[in-house]
Amino acid sequence: MISKKIGLLEEILEETNLILYKYWVLLTLSSEVFEGTYPEIGIGKRYAWQVPMYRKVMKEILDEIEM
């Protein structure tokens, strides 16, 4: 189960157009579902970053917070 904080983060990132829910986009564009992931360019299991640099910046921020 996804924690409330992670769910809130997903919601904020979607609302600010930093990530997109890839299944919704793919199903509206075609009947095929893309199952692959490419973490090096920001495409995950459920979401894709609009710009891969956003992923890098967010990771750096989260890494700094954890310290």
Protein backbone atom coordinates (compact mmCIF):
# COMPACT_ATOMS: atom_id res chain seq x y z
CA MET A 1 0.00 0.00 0.00
CA ILE A 2 1.26 3.45 -0.91
CA SER A 3 1.69 5.78 2.03
CA LYS A 4 -0.39 8.95 2.25
CA LYS A 5 2.72 11.10 1.82
CA ILE A 6 3.73 9.30 -1.39
CA GLY A 7 0.16 9.57 -2.67
CA LEU A 8 0.16 13.29 -1.95
CA LEU A 9 3.52 13.68 -3.69
CA GLU A 10 2.19 11.84 -6.77
CA GLU A 11 -0.85 14.11 -6.80
CA ILE A 12 1.26 17.27 -6.55
CA LEU A 13 3.66 16.12 -9.26
CA GLU A 14 0.76 15.28 -11.59
CA GLU A 15 -1.04 18.58 -10.94
CA THR A 16 2.11 20.56 -11.64
CA ASN A 17 2.66 18.54 -14.84
CA LEU A 18 6.02 17.15 -13.74
CA ILE A 19 4.95 13.51 -14.16
CA LEU A 20 2.16 11.77 -16.00
CA TYR A 21 0.32 8.54 -15.34
CA LYS A 22 1.47 6.59 -18.35
CA TYR A 23 -1.39 4.11 -18.63
CA TRP A 24 -4.01 6.85 -18.89
CA VAL A 25 -2.06 8.60 -21.63
CA LEU A 26 -1.33 5.41 -23.56
CA LEU A 27 -4.89 4.13 -23.38
CA THR A 28 -6.24 7.42 -24.73
CA LEU A 29 -3.76 7.38 -27.61
CA SER A 30 -3.94 3.70 -28.54
CA SER A 31 -5.31 0.40 -27.33
CA GLU A 32 -1.81 -0.89 -26.49
CA VAL A 33 -0.27 -0.62 -23.04
CA PHE A 34 3.46 -0.01 -22.79
CA GLU A 35 4.75 -2.32 -20.06
CA GLY A 36 8.45 -1.43 -20.27
CA THR A 37 10.42 0.74 -17.89
CA TYR A 38 13.41 2.92 -18.66
CA PRO A 39 14.59 4.44 -15.37
CA GLU A 40 17.57 6.13 -17.00
CA ILE A 41 15.20 8.42 -18.91
CA GLY A 42 12.50 8.63 -16.25
CA ILE A 43 9.94 6.05 -17.39
CA GLY A 44 8.81 3.89 -14.51
CA LYS A 45 6.21 1.18 -13.99
CA ARG A 46 3.26 3.57 -13.54
CA TYR A 47 4.57 7.06 -14.18
CA ALA A 48 6.86 8.92 -16.55
CA TRP A 49 8.60 12.21 -15.91
CA GLN A 50 7.73 14.95 -18.39
CA VAL A 51 11.40 15.95 -18.46
CA PRO A 52 13.98 13.48 -17.11
CA MET A 53 15.89 16.32 -15.42
CA TYR A 54 12.93 16.71 -13.02
CA ARG A 55 13.62 13.17 -11.79
CA LYS A 56 17.26 13.97 -11.12
CA VAL A 57 16.42 17.16 -9.23
CA MET A 58 13.72 15.45 -7.16
CA LYS A 59 16.10 12.60 -6.30
CA GLU A 60 18.76 15.08 -5.16
CA ILE A 61 16.23 16.90 -2.98
CA LEU A 62 14.96 13.67 -1.41
CA ASP A 63 18.52 12.39 -0.84
CA GLU A 64 19.39 15.66 0.90
CA ILE A 65 16.29 15.46 3.11
CA GLU A 66 17.14 11.89 4.18
CA MET A 67 20.59 12.90 5.47
